[in-house]
C-alpha atoms as a PDB file:
ATOM      1  CA  UNK A   1      -0.118  -0.175   0.200  1.00  0.00           C
ATOM      2  CA  UNK A   2       1.187   3.407  -0.872  1.00  0.00           C
ATOM      3  CA  UNK A   3       2.845   5.633   1.936  1.00  0.00           C
ATOM      4  CA  UNK A   4       2.757   9.896   1.563  1.00  0.00           C
ATOM      5  CA  UNK A   5       5.514  11.161   3.318  1.00  0.00           C
ATOM      6  CA  UNK A   6       3.797  12.517   6.885  1.00  0.00           C
ATOM      7  CA  UNK A   7       5.067  15.926   6.640  1.00  0.00           C
ATOM      8  CA  UNK A   8       2.745  16.553   4.002  1.00  0.00           C
ATOM      9  CA  UNK A   9      -0.434  15.421   6.101  1.00  0.00           C
ATOM     10  CA  UNK A  10      -1.863  17.437   8.500  1.00  0.00           C
ATOM     11  CA  UNK A  11      -0.871  15.005  11.378  1.00  0.00           C
ATOM     12  CA  UNK A  12       2.802  16.237  11.394  1.00  0.00           C
ATOM     13  CA  UNK A  13       1.499  19.656  10.456  1.00  0.00           C
ATOM     14  CA  UNK A  14      -1.054  20.042  13.549  1.00  0.00           C
ATOM     15  CA  UNK A  15       1.403  19.036  16.519  1.00  0.00           C
ATOM     16  CA  UNK A  16       4.743  20.563  15.091  1.00  0.00           C
ATOM     17  CA  UNK A  17       4.855  23.308  12.396  1.00  0.00           C
ATOM     18  CA  UNK A  18       3.879  26.780  12.952  1.00  0.00           C
ATOM     19  CA  UNK A  19       1.336  27.397  10.114  1.00  0.00           C
ATOM     20  CA  UNK A  20       2.249  30.974   9.472  1.00  0.00           C
ATOM     21  CA  UNK A  21       5.502  29.705   8.139  1.00  0.00           C
ATOM     22  CA  UNK A  22       4.926  26.132   7.035  1.00  0.00           C
ATOM     23  CA  UNK A  23       1.329  25.745   5.521  1.00  0.00           C
ATOM     24  CA  UNK A  24       2.319  26.727   1.738  1.00  0.00           C
ATOM     25  CA  UNK A  25       5.018  23.709   2.115  1.00  0.00           C
ATOM     26  CA  UNK A  26       2.390  21.114   3.707  1.00  0.00           C
ATOM     27  CA  UNK A  27      -0.170  21.599   0.682  1.00  0.00           C
ATOM     28  CA  UNK A  28       2.508  22.086  -1.983  1.00  0.00           C
ATOM     29  CA  UNK A  29       2.395  19.413  -4.323  1.00  0.00           C
ATOM     30  CA  UNK A  30       6.025  19.219  -5.647  1.00  0.00           C
ATOM     31  CA  UNK A  31       7.996  20.104  -2.486  1.00  0.00           C
ATOM     32  CA  UNK A  32       7.873  19.829   1.302  1.00  0.00           C
ATOM     33  CA  UNK A  33      10.623  20.725   4.050  1.00  0.00           C
ATOM     34  CA  UNK A  34      11.143  22.104   7.357  1.00  0.00           C
ATOM     35  CA  UNK A  35      12.874  25.296   6.106  1.00  0.00           C
ATOM     36  CA  UNK A  36      12.478  27.746   9.592  1.00  0.00           C
ATOM     37  CA  UNK A  37      13.510  31.073   7.564  1.00  0.00           C
ATOM     38  CA  UNK A  38      14.775  32.388   4.319  1.00  0.00           C
ATOM     39  CA  UNK A  39      18.062  32.400   5.692  1.00  0.00           C
ATOM     40  CA  UNK A  40      18.285  28.721   5.411  1.00  0.00           C
ATOM     41  CA  UNK A  41      21.954  27.684   4.117  1.00  0.00           C
ATOM     42  CA  UNK A  42      21.757  23.924   4.274  1.00  0.00           C
ATOM     43  CA  UNK A  43      19.679  21.240   4.183  1.00  0.00           C
ATOM     44  CA  UNK A  44      19.854  17.942   5.885  1.00  0.00           C
ATOM     45  CA  UNK A  45      18.432  15.224   3.497  1.00  0.00           C
ATOM     46  CA  UNK A  46      17.086  12.070   4.266  1.00  0.00           C
ATOM     47  CA  UNK A  47      14.869   8.891   2.807  1.00  0.00           C
ATOM     48  CA  UNK A  48      11.775   8.351   4.497  1.00  0.00           C
ATOM     49  CA  UNK A  49      10.753   7.791   7.729  1.00  0.00           C
ATOM     50  CA  UNK A  50      10.431   4.403   9.289  1.00  0.00           C
ATOM     51  CA  UNK A  51       7.429   2.479   9.100  1.00  0.00           C
ATOM     52  CA  UNK A  52       6.129   3.118  12.479  1.00  0.00           C
ATOM     53  CA  UNK A  53       6.325   6.657  12.319  1.00  0.00           C
ATOM     54  CA  UNK A  54       5.259   7.305   9.070  1.00  0.00           C
ATOM     55  CA  UNK A  55       2.073   4.894   9.354  1.00  0.00           C
ATOM     56  CA  UNK A  56       1.494   6.776  12.700  1.00  0.00           C
ATOM     57  CA  UNK A  57       2.072   3.708  14.898  1.00  0.00           C
ATOM     58  CA  UNK A  58       2.293   5.356  18.729  1.00  0.00           C
ATOM     59  CA  UNK A  59       5.456   4.461  20.540  1.00  0.00           C
ATOM     60  CA  UNK A  60       6.887   6.816  23.136  1.00  0.00           C
ATOM     61  CA  UNK A  61      10.458   6.254  22.434  1.00  0.00           C
ATOM     62  CA  UNK A  62       9.788   7.797  18.891  1.00  0.00           C
ATOM     63  CA  UNK A  63       8.758  11.102  17.814  1.00  0.00           C
ATOM     64  CA  UNK A  64       6.817  12.534  14.721  1.00  0.00           C
ATOM     65  CA  UNK A  65       9.453  14.544  13.039  1.00  0.00           C
ATOM     66  CA  UNK A  66      12.540  13.778  10.617  1.00  0.00           C
ATOM     67  CA  UNK A  67      14.803  11.075  12.293  1.00  0.00           C
ATOM     68  CA  UNK A  68      12.523  10.244  14.716  1.00  0.00           C
ATOM     69  CA  UNK A  69      13.257   7.035  15.494  1.00  0.00           C
ATOM     70  CA  UNK A  70      15.042   6.384  18.776  1.00  0.00           C
ATOM     71  CA  UNK A  71      17.321   4.198  17.869  1.00  0.00           C
ATOM     72  CA  UNK A  72      18.892   6.890  15.452  1.00  0.00           C
ATOM     73  CA  UNK A  73      21.521   8.773  16.721  1.00  0.00           C
ATOM     74  CA  UNK A  74      21.027  12.115  14.536  1.00  0.00           C
ATOM     75  CA  UNK A  75      19.635  14.890  17.028  1.00  0.00           C
ATOM     76  CA  UNK A  76      22.077  13.472  19.712  1.00  0.00           C
ATOM     77  CA  UNK A  77      24.944  14.203  17.602  1.00  0.00           C
ATOM     78  CA  UNK A  78      23.520  17.436  16.367  1.00  0.00           C
ATOM     79  CA  UNK A  79      22.819  18.818  19.929  1.00  0.00           C
ATOM     80  CA  UNK A  80      25.888  17.839  20.916  1.00  0.00           C
ATOM     81  CA  UNK A  81      28.081  19.563  18.097  1.00  0.00           C
ATOM     82  CA  UNK A  82      25.971  22.565  18.705  1.00  0.00           C
ATOM     83  CA  UNK A  83      25.693  22.574  22.071  1.00  0.00           C
ATOM     84  CA  UNK A  84      21.990  22.600  22.219  1.00  0.00           C
ATOM     85  CA  UNK A  85      19.537  20.754  24.522  1.00  0.00           C
ATOM     86  CA  UNK A  86      17.364  18.498  22.117  1.00  0.00           C
ATOM     87  CA  UNK A  87      14.902  16.557  25.131  1.00  0.00           C
ATOM     88  CA  UNK A  88      11.782  18.097  23.474  1.00  0.00           C
ATOM     89  CA  UNK A  89      10.475  18.349  20.056  1.00  0.00           C
ATOM     90  CA  UNK A  90       9.922  22.190  20.219  1.00  0.00           C
ATOM     91  CA  UNK A  91      14.283  22.058  21.158  1.00  0.00           C
ATOM     92  CA  UNK A  92      15.015  19.957  17.899  1.00  0.00           C
ATOM     93  CA  UNK A  93      12.843  22.705  15.953  1.00  0.00           C
ATOM     94  CA  UNK A  94      14.779  25.766  17.715  1.00  0.00           C
ATOM     95  CA  UNK A  95      18.393  23.944  16.879  1.00  0.00           C
ATOM     96  CA  UNK A  96      17.362  24.319  13.181  1.00  0.00           C
ATOM     97  CA  UNK A  97      16.094  27.827  13.394  1.00  0.00           C
ATOM     98  CA  UNK A  98      18.969  29.258  15.116  1.00  0.00           C
ATOM     99  CA  UNK A  99      21.416  27.608  13.074  1.00  0.00           C
ATOM    100  CA  UNK A 100      19.666  28.064   9.807  1.00  0.00           C
ATOM    101  CA  UNK A 101      19.276  24.546   9.097  1.00  0.00           C
ATOM    102  CA  UNK A 102      16.614  23.059   7.536  1.00  0.00           C
ATOM    103  CA  UNK A 103      15.655  19.225   7.119  1.00  0.00           C
ATOM    104  CA  UNK A 104      13.489  17.467   4.803  1.00  0.00           C
ATOM    105  CA  UNK A 105      13.580  13.787   2.717  1.00  0.00           C
ATOM    106  CA  UNK A 106      13.792  13.231  -0.972  1.00  0.00           C
ATOM    107  CA  UNK A 107      10.599  10.499  -1.102  1.00  0.00           C
ATOM    108  CA  UNK A 108       7.437  11.923  -0.997  1.00  0.00           C
ATOM    109  CA  UNK A 109       5.428   8.657  -1.723  1.00  0.00           C
ATOM    110  CA  UNK A 110       6.846   5.338  -1.412  1.00  0.00           C
ATOM    111  CA  UNK A 111       5.704   1.497  -1.535  1.00  0.00           C
ATOM    112  CA  UNK A 112       7.541  -0.308   1.391  1.00  0.00           C
ATOM    113  CA  UNK A 113       8.133  -4.404   0.893  1.00  0.00           C
ATOM    114  CA  UNK A 114       7.707  -6.201   3.469  1.00  0.00           C
ATOM    115  CA  UNK A 115       5.158  -3.507   4.992  1.00  0.00           C
ATOM    116  CA  UNK A 116       7.114  -3.438   8.277  1.00  0.00           C
ATOM    117  CA  UNK A 117      11.007  -2.600   6.874  1.00  0.00           C
ATOM    118  CA  UNK A 118      13.095   0.065   7.692  1.00  0.00           C
ATOM    119  CA  UNK A 119      15.638  -0.348   5.067  1.00  0.00           C
ATOM    120  CA  UNK A 120      16.031   1.960   2.193  1.00  0.00           C
ATOM    121  CA  UNK A 121      16.784  -1.258  -0.250  1.00  0.00           C
ATOM    122  CA  UNK A 122      12.876  -2.416   0.559  1.00  0.00           C
ATOM    123  CA  UNK A 123      11.453   1.165  -0.738  1.00  0.00           C
ATOM    124  CA  UNK A 124      10.037   1.792  -4.033  1.00  0.00           C
ATOM    125  CA  UNK A 125       9.686   5.260  -5.006  1.00  0.00           C
ATOM    126  CA  UNK A 126       6.446   6.566  -6.239  1.00  0.00           C
ATOM    127  CA  UNK A 127       6.950  10.226  -5.949  1.00  0.00           C
ATOM    128  CA  UNK A 128      10.167  12.540  -5.260  1.00  0.00           C
ATOM    129  CA  UNK A 129      10.638  15.908  -3.153  1.00  0.00           C
ATOM    130  CA  UNK A 130      11.263  18.568  -5.577  1.00  0.00           C
ATOM    131  CA  UNK A 131      14.480  20.488  -4.488  1.00  0.00           C
ATOM    132  CA  UNK A 132      14.938  22.451  -7.007  1.00  0.00           C
ATOM    133  CA  UNK A 133      11.506  23.958  -6.187  1.00  0.00           C
ATOM    134  CA  UNK A 134      12.772  23.868  -2.453  1.00  0.00           C
ATOM    135  CA  UNK A 135      16.160  26.146  -3.723  1.00  0.00           C
ATOM    136  CA  UNK A 136      13.932  28.700  -5.726  1.00  0.00           C
ATOM    137  CA  UNK A 137      11.917  29.503  -2.736  1.00  0.00           C
ATOM    138  CA  UNK A 138      14.306  29.832  -0.299  1.00  0.00           C
ATOM    139  CA  UNK A 139      17.563  30.738  -2.394  1.00  0.00           C
ATOM    140  CA  UNK A 140      20.612  31.090  -0.013  1.00  0.00           C
ATOM    141  CA  UNK A 141      20.595  26.980   0.441  1.00  0.00           C
ATOM    142  CA  UNK A 142      23.622  26.235  -0.807  1.00  0.00           C
ATOM    143  CA  UNK A 143      24.406  22.844   0.987  1.00  0.00           C
ATOM    144  CA  UNK A 144      22.829  19.487   1.083  1.00  0.00           C
ATOM    145  CA  UNK A 145      24.053  16.983   3.990  1.00  0.00           C
ATOM    146  CA  UNK A 146      22.952  13.586   3.715  1.00  0.00           C
ATOM    147  CA  UNK A 147      23.933  10.818   5.758  1.00  0.00           C
ATOM    148  CA  UNK A 148      23.410   7.325   3.556  1.00  0.00           C
ATOM    149  CA  UNK A 149      25.472   6.782   0.158  1.00  0.00           C
ATOM    150  CA  UNK A 150      28.693   6.713   1.316  1.00  0.00           C
ATOM    151  CA  UNK A 151      31.543   9.145  -0.180  1.00  0.00           C
ATOM    152  CA  UNK A 152      32.212   7.300  -3.197  1.00  0.00           C
ATOM    153  CA  UNK A 153      30.803   8.610  -6.728  1.00  0.00           C
ATOM    154  CA  UNK A 154      26.735   8.546  -6.971  1.00  0.00           C
ATOM    155  CA  UNK A 155      26.019   5.979  -9.366  1.00  0.00           C
ATOM    156  CA  UNK A 156      22.673   5.077 -10.982  1.00  0.00           C
ATOM    157  CA  UNK A 157      19.417   4.108  -8.918  1.00  0.00           C
ATOM    158  CA  UNK A 158      18.839   0.626  -8.956  1.00  0.00           C
ATOM    159  CA  UNK A 159      17.508  -2.683  -6.641  1.00  0.00           C
ATOM    160  CA  UNK A 160      21.654  -2.740  -5.098  1.00  0.00           C
ATOM    161  CA  UNK A 161      21.827   1.009  -5.436  1.00  0.00           C
ATOM    162  CA  UNK A 162      19.328   2.467  -3.030  1.00  0.00           C
ATOM    163  CA  UNK A 163      20.426   5.765  -0.709  1.00  0.00           C
ATOM    164  CA  UNK A 164      19.853   9.471  -0.662  1.00  0.00           C
ATOM    165  CA  UNK A 165      22.301  10.187  -3.318  1.00  0.00           C
ATOM    166  CA  UNK A 166      20.974   8.120  -5.558  1.00  0.00           C
ATOM    167  CA  UNK A 167      17.425   8.820  -5.281  1.00  0.00           C
ATOM    168  CA  UNK A 168      18.363  12.853  -5.256  1.00  0.00           C
ATOM    169  CA  UNK A 169      20.249  11.940  -8.830  1.00  0.00           C
ATOM    170  CA  UNK A 170      17.154   9.910 -10.086  1.00  0.00           C
ATOM    171  CA  UNK A 171      14.802  12.785  -8.705  1.00  0.00           C
ATOM    172  CA  UNK A 172      16.586  15.333 -11.452  1.00  0.00           C
ATOM    173  CA  UNK A 173      18.063  12.933 -14.072  1.00  0.00           C
ATOM    174  CA  UNK A 174      16.313  14.445 -16.929  1.00  0.00           C
ATOM    175  CA  UNK A 175      18.181  17.880 -16.234  1.00  0.00           C
ATOM    176  CA  UNK A 176      21.667  18.706 -16.838  1.00  0.00           C
ATOM    177  CA  UNK A 177      23.928  17.133 -14.039  1.00  0.00           C
ATOM    178  CA  UNK A 178      27.275  17.777 -13.233  1.00  0.00           C
ATOM    179  CA  UNK A 179      29.414  16.557 -10.294  1.00  0.00           C
ATOM    180  CA  UNK A 180      27.536  13.286  -9.421  1.00  0.00           C
ATOM    181  CA  UNK A 181      30.485  11.113 -10.829  1.00  0.00           C
ATOM    182  CA  UNK A 182      32.920  12.641  -8.244  1.00  0.00           C
ATOM    183  CA  UNK A 183      34.655  10.724  -5.243  1.00  0.00           C
ATOM    184  CA  UNK A 184      35.143  12.353  -1.707  1.00  0.00           C
ATOM    185  CA  UNK A 185      32.893  13.663   1.263  1.00  0.00           C
ATOM    186  CA  UNK A 186      31.900  16.629  -0.148  1.00  0.00           C
ATOM    187  CA  UNK A 187      31.156  16.977  -4.109  1.00  0.00           C
ATOM    188  CA  UNK A 188      30.227  20.097  -5.984  1.00  0.00           C
ATOM    189  CA  UNK A 189      27.278  19.155  -8.093  1.00  0.00           C
ATOM    190  CA  UNK A 190      25.248  21.095 -10.396  1.00  0.00           C
ATOM    191  CA  UNK A 191      21.492  20.711 -11.750  1.00  0.00           C
ATOM    192  CA  UNK A 192      20.925  22.847 -14.416  1.00  0.00           C
ATOM    193  CA  UNK A 193      23.566  25.193 -13.395  1.00  0.00           C
ATOM    194  CA  UNK A 194      22.104  25.544  -9.661  1.00  0.00           C
ATOM    195  CA  UNK A 195      24.858  24.520  -7.588  1.00  0.00           C
ATOM    196  CA  UNK A 196      25.174  22.718  -4.538  1.00  0.00           C
ATOM    197  CA  UNK A 197      27.603  21.351  -1.915  1.00  0.00           C
ATOM    198  CA  UNK A 198      26.389  17.711  -1.617  1.00  0.00           C
ATOM    199  CA  UNK A 199      28.341  16.487   1.726  1.00  0.00           C
ATOM    200  CA  UNK A 200      28.275  12.901   2.992  1.00  0.00           C
ATOM    201  CA  UNK A 201      28.348  13.232   6.888  1.00  0.00           C
ATOM    202  CA  UNK A 202      28.360   9.225   8.439  1.00  0.00           C
ATOM    203  CA  UNK A 203      25.212   8.098   9.014  1.00  0.00           C
ATOM    204  CA  UNK A 204      23.759   8.102  12.498  1.00  0.00           C
ATOM    205  CA  UNK A 205      22.209   4.905  12.155  1.00  0.00           C
ATOM    206  CA  UNK A 206      23.347   1.864  14.230  1.00  0.00           C
ATOM    207  CA  UNK A 207      23.696  -0.027  11.078  1.00  0.00           C
ATOM    208  CA  UNK A 208      27.326   1.768  10.251  1.00  0.00           C
ATOM    209  CA  UNK A 209      28.815   1.172  13.553  1.00  0.00           C
ATOM    210  CA  UNK A 210      30.869  -1.521  12.067  1.00  0.00           C
ATOM    211  CA  UNK A 211      32.027   0.557   9.340  1.00  0.00           C
ATOM    212  CA  UNK A 212      32.743   3.360  11.226  1.00  0.00           C
ATOM    213  CA  UNK A 213      35.090   0.989  13.816  1.00  0.00           C
ATOM    214  CA  UNK A 214      36.726  -0.598  10.739  1.00  0.00           C
ATOM    215  CA  UNK A 215      37.746   2.628   9.286  1.00  0.00           C
ATOM    216  CA  UNK A 216      39.382   3.836  13.167  1.00  0.00           C
ATOM    217  CA  UNK A 217      40.835   0.365  13.383  1.00  0.00           C
ATOM    218  CA  UNK A 218      42.905   0.762   9.630  1.00  0.00           C
ATOM    219  CA  UNK A 219      44.007   4.252  10.847  1.00  0.00           C
ATOM    220  CA  UNK A 220      44.819   3.325  14.605  1.00  0.00           C
ATOM    221  CA  UNK A 221      42.276   5.542  15.586  1.00  0.00           C
ATOM    222  CA  UNK A 222      44.091   8.352  14.071  1.00  0.00           C
ATOM    223  CA  UNK A 223      46.140   8.882  17.231  1.00  0.00           C
ATOM    224  CA  UNK A 224      43.627  10.053  19.180  1.00  0.00           C
ATOM    225  CA  UNK A 225      43.076   8.863  22.378  1.00  0.00           C
ATOM    226  CA  UNK A 226      40.060   7.455  23.912  1.00  0.00           C
ATOM    227  CA  UNK A 227      38.033   7.933  20.437  1.00  0.00           C
ATOM    228  CA  UNK A 228      35.160   5.919  19.962  1.00  0.00           C
ATOM    229  CA  UNK A 229      32.533   5.743  17.107  1.00  0.00           C
ATOM    230  CA  UNK A 230      30.486   8.395  18.163  1.00  0.00           C
ATOM    231  CA  UNK A 231      33.214  10.577  18.816  1.00  0.00           C
ATOM    232  CA  UNK A 232      34.850  10.172  15.528  1.00  0.00           C
ATOM    233  CA  UNK A 233      31.117  10.851  14.067  1.00  0.00           C
ATOM    234  CA  UNK A 234      30.906  13.786  16.071  1.00  0.00           C
ATOM    235  CA  UNK A 235      34.465  15.086  14.569  1.00  0.00           C
ATOM    236  CA  UNK A 236      33.084  14.377  11.177  1.00  0.00           C
ATOM    237  CA  UNK A 237      30.128  16.482  11.228  1.00  0.00           C
ATOM    238  CA  UNK A 238      31.501  19.187  13.408  1.00  0.00           C
ATOM    239  CA  UNK A 239      34.097  19.667  10.824  1.00  0.00           C
ATOM    240  CA  UNK A 240      32.228  19.801   7.449  1.00  0.00           C
ATOM    241  CA  UNK A 241      29.163  21.928   9.493  1.00  0.00           C
ATOM    242  CA  UNK A 242      32.002  24.563  10.540  1.00  0.00           C
ATOM    243  CA  UNK A 243      33.400  24.241   7.380  1.00  0.00           C
ATOM    244  CA  UNK A 244      30.609  24.793   5.066  1.00  0.00           C
ATOM    245  CA  UNK A 245      27.981  26.172   6.997  1.00  0.00           C
ATOM    246  CA  UNK A 246      28.585  27.766  10.429  1.00  0.00           C
ATOM    247  CA  UNK A 247      32.100  29.412   9.613  1.00  0.00           C
ATOM    248  CA  UNK A 248      33.959  31.410  12.272  1.00  0.00           C
ATOM    249  CA  UNK A 249      31.492  30.555  15.689  1.00  0.00           C
ATOM    250  CA  UNK A 250      31.639  31.012  19.076  1.00  0.00           C
ATOM    251  CA  UNK A 251      30.344  27.284  19.680  1.00  0.00           C
ATOM    252  CA  UNK A 252      33.021  26.258  22.132  1.00  0.00           C
ATOM    253  CA  UNK A 253      32.803  22.363  20.536  1.00  0.00           C
ATOM    254  CA  UNK A 254      32.672  23.407  17.116  1.00  0.00           C
ATOM    255  CA  UNK A 255      35.679  25.207  17.880  1.00  0.00           C
ATOM    256  CA  UNK A 256      37.422  22.385  19.782  1.00  0.00           C
ATOM    257  CA  UNK A 257      36.494  20.121  16.665  1.00  0.00           C
ATOM    258  CA  UNK A 258      38.225  22.386  13.954  1.00  0.00           C
ATOM    259  CA  UNK A 259      41.802  22.493  15.924  1.00  0.00           C
ATOM    260  CA  UNK A 260      41.560  18.974  16.435  1.00  0.00           C
ATOM    261  CA  UNK A 261      41.066  18.205  12.780  1.00  0.00           C
ATOM    262  CA  UNK A 262      43.396  20.809  11.412  1.00  0.00           C
ATOM    263  CA  UNK A 263      46.270  19.490  14.061  1.00  0.00           C
ATOM    264  CA  UNK A 264      46.158  15.857  12.643  1.00  0.00           C
ATOM    265  CA  UNK A 265      47.319  15.687   9.281  1.00  0.00           C
ATOM    266  CA  UNK A 266      46.538  12.402   8.966  1.00  0.00           C
ATOM    267  CA  UNK A 267      42.487  12.873   9.835  1.00  0.00           C
ATOM    268  CA  UNK A 268      42.663  16.240   8.089  1.00  0.00           C
ATOM    269  CA  UNK A 269      43.715  14.186   5.048  1.00  0.00           C
ATOM    270  CA  UNK A 270      41.297  11.274   5.245  1.00  0.00           C
ATOM    271  CA  UNK A 271      38.289  13.773   5.612  1.00  0.00           C
ATOM    272  CA  UNK A 272      39.847  16.150   2.616  1.00  0.00           C
ATOM    273  CA  UNK A 273      40.938  13.193   0.375  1.00  0.00           C
END
């Protein structure tokens, strides 16, 4: 049975979103997202909510918003980096608005098989979010942060290659595209001469813990004492948020991350190459 993204329905709208700011996006047939203000410079782009949140299956541990799964580290990671409380939904909205960060998903309507799967490979797209339309309405958007797909070049969408990057590419496949075949955490992409920095951040899902631990093992923990999976993820997120979105900042944790990475030649080379 097809699932419509719940952000485009009144269920999320009534509970979480200020109607004076966002009603037009709920009713827009092409694009949607929590874009807090016209100064929004970056967006986080996910895939689609887990089935429990999408279908309204009530669970006190989950919440009805982007990255709402209780086993996803997205909000914990972002809150620690930006030194912001994220214990309520209001706080989660405030951290986005104060920092001029938007958030949305690339899939608008999907089929899910099996119906209780939360794996990207079990999703079939029926319609896409229109990211170019968002850019037209919020012209200052420069960066698209994604948390699935990896740092390798973005190939074509197929049954074995489903992630934010391939779905984004496929959603604009009929346009003039450049830059999707680059390797690296950051790709400068062009969609009909509209430029974005497409920036891959390590997934906040538990499914990537093994791969991150493998990176740490192969690089002898980058000679960083007491580093673990979560702290390494925070380093990577903080470094790229500082470089492409925040710029100079008084946030102590960001300043510490920036200094640590830039004083660690091996880690800096890993992030930049």
